[in-house]
């Protein structure tokens, strides 16, 4: 899997961080979410799906 965030769309609501903290984190200024692991393990697929579905700005893309 490949995870990306569209920083132009991201408003740092943090829903993804709550859903999948192994992959996402708020930056120090909490202005945008960072991807901690662009190629996470398959075992995180369900948490990633929750993060994608919960993102109010549809800023997360998961390929694969």
Protein backbone atom coordinates (compact mmCIF):
# COMPACT_ATOMS: atom_id res chain seq x y z
CA UNK A 1 0.00 0.00 0.00
CA UNK A 2 1.08 3.57 -0.65
CA UNK A 3 -0.36 6.39 1.51
CA UNK A 4 -0.33 10.05 0.56
CA UNK A 5 -1.92 13.22 1.91
CA UNK A 6 -2.95 16.16 -0.22
CA UNK A 7 -1.52 18.99 1.90
CA UNK A 8 -3.58 21.55 -0.04
CA UNK A 9 -6.79 19.87 1.13
CA UNK A 10 -5.73 18.83 4.65
CA UNK A 11 -7.09 21.04 7.42
CA UNK A 12 -5.49 18.95 10.22
CA UNK A 13 -8.74 17.81 11.79
CA UNK A 14 -6.81 14.80 13.12
CA UNK A 15 -9.44 12.16 12.38
CA UNK A 16 -6.81 10.09 10.58
CA UNK A 17 -4.42 10.37 13.53
CA UNK A 18 -7.12 8.99 15.82
CA UNK A 19 -8.00 6.20 13.37
CA UNK A 20 -4.45 5.14 12.53
CA UNK A 21 -1.70 6.69 14.70
CA UNK A 22 0.82 4.21 13.33
CA UNK A 23 0.65 5.99 9.97
CA UNK A 24 -0.44 9.59 10.66
CA UNK A 25 0.64 12.36 13.05
CA UNK A 26 -0.04 16.06 13.42
CA UNK A 27 3.01 18.22 12.79
CA UNK A 28 4.40 20.38 15.56
CA UNK A 29 2.28 23.36 14.56
CA UNK A 30 -0.76 21.12 13.96
CA UNK A 31 -1.28 22.80 10.58
CA UNK A 32 -1.10 19.64 8.53
CA UNK A 33 -0.99 15.90 9.06
CA UNK A 34 2.25 14.03 8.32
CA UNK A 35 2.49 10.50 6.97
CA UNK A 36 4.79 8.55 9.28
CA UNK A 37 4.84 5.41 7.13
CA UNK A 38 4.12 5.79 3.41
CA UNK A 39 4.13 2.01 2.91
CA UNK A 40 2.39 0.58 5.98
CA UNK A 41 1.90 -3.09 6.71
CA UNK A 42 -1.17 -4.82 5.32
CA UNK A 43 -2.39 -5.36 8.90
CA UNK A 44 -3.22 -1.63 9.07
CA UNK A 45 -5.58 -1.70 6.07
CA UNK A 46 -8.77 -1.53 8.19
CA UNK A 47 -7.46 1.41 10.24
CA UNK A 48 -6.38 3.18 7.04
CA UNK A 49 -9.84 2.65 5.55
CA UNK A 50 -11.35 4.30 8.65
CA UNK A 51 -8.94 7.21 8.29
CA UNK A 52 -9.81 7.68 4.61
CA UNK A 53 -13.55 7.46 5.24
CA UNK A 54 -13.35 9.80 8.23
CA UNK A 55 -11.31 12.55 6.58
CA UNK A 56 -13.68 15.51 6.22
CA UNK A 57 -11.58 16.98 3.40
CA UNK A 58 -10.97 13.72 1.46
CA UNK A 59 -7.24 14.47 1.59
CA UNK A 60 -5.96 10.89 2.01
CA UNK A 61 -5.16 8.50 -0.83
CA UNK A 62 -4.31 4.83 -0.33
CA UNK A 63 -3.13 2.91 -3.39
CA UNK A 64 -2.83 -0.84 -3.47
